[in-house]
């Protein structure tokens, strides 16, 4: 499964196959959008996790 963010494609899963139903919504209540995909292989939930960072860790 891929999604586009700021013009860049990011792979978040390589096992869920083609989604028949895709929902992007805040499922866990943390304020960040999560991805739920349903197809013949099952239901797949991808939770977005925010990482804490500082300017020094971002700039290396």
Protein backbone atom coordinates (compact mmCIF):
# COMPACT_ATOMS: atom_id res chain seq x y z
CA UNK A 1 0.00 0.00 0.00
CA UNK A 2 1.34 3.44 -0.88
CA UNK A 3 0.22 6.93 -0.06
CA UNK A 4 1.46 10.32 -1.23
CA UNK A 5 2.65 12.96 1.20
CA UNK A 6 4.01 16.28 -0.06
CA UNK A 7 4.58 14.84 -3.53
CA UNK A 8 6.58 11.87 -2.22
CA UNK A 9 5.34 8.29 -2.33
CA UNK A 10 5.81 6.31 0.90
CA UNK A 11 5.32 2.57 1.26
CA UNK A 12 3.61 1.76 4.54
CA UNK A 13 2.85 -1.93 3.92
CA UNK A 14 3.94 -4.63 1.47
CA UNK A 15 1.53 -7.42 2.41
CA UNK A 16 -2.03 -6.03 2.27
CA UNK A 17 -2.34 -6.22 -1.57
CA UNK A 18 -4.95 -4.11 -3.40
CA UNK A 19 -7.47 -2.48 -1.09
CA UNK A 20 -11.15 -2.87 -1.92
CA UNK A 21 -12.06 -0.40 0.79
CA UNK A 22 -9.63 2.20 2.10
CA UNK A 23 -10.33 4.57 4.99
CA UNK A 24 -7.98 7.34 6.12
CA UNK A 25 -9.20 8.60 9.47
CA UNK A 26 -8.04 9.15 13.04
CA UNK A 27 -8.96 5.71 14.39
CA UNK A 28 -7.00 5.72 17.65
CA UNK A 29 -7.86 9.28 18.74
CA UNK A 30 -4.33 10.73 18.73
CA UNK A 31 -5.10 13.45 16.15
CA UNK A 32 -3.10 11.81 13.33
CA UNK A 33 -4.72 10.13 10.31
CA UNK A 34 -4.47 6.32 10.27
CA UNK A 35 -5.05 3.94 7.31
CA UNK A 36 -7.48 1.00 7.33
CA UNK A 37 -7.61 -1.30 4.29
CA UNK A 38 -10.08 -4.14 3.75
CA UNK A 39 -9.76 -6.79 1.01
CA UNK A 40 -10.00 -10.54 0.47
CA UNK A 41 -6.84 -11.09 2.59
CA UNK A 42 -8.39 -9.43 5.64
CA UNK A 43 -8.43 -6.06 7.38
CA UNK A 44 -5.17 -4.13 7.77
CA UNK A 45 -4.67 -1.22 10.15
CA UNK A 46 -1.68 1.12 9.80
CA UNK A 47 -1.28 3.48 12.74
CA UNK A 48 0.60 6.73 12.25
CA UNK A 49 3.04 7.41 15.07
CA UNK A 50 4.46 10.86 15.70
CA UNK A 51 8.12 10.93 16.63
CA UNK A 52 9.51 13.52 18.99
CA UNK A 53 12.42 15.38 17.47
CA UNK A 54 14.67 18.31 18.08
CA UNK A 55 16.39 20.61 15.61
CA UNK A 56 19.71 18.89 16.32
CA UNK A 57 18.36 15.41 15.59
CA UNK A 58 16.70 16.67 12.39
CA UNK A 59 19.83 18.38 11.06
CA UNK A 60 22.15 15.51 12.14
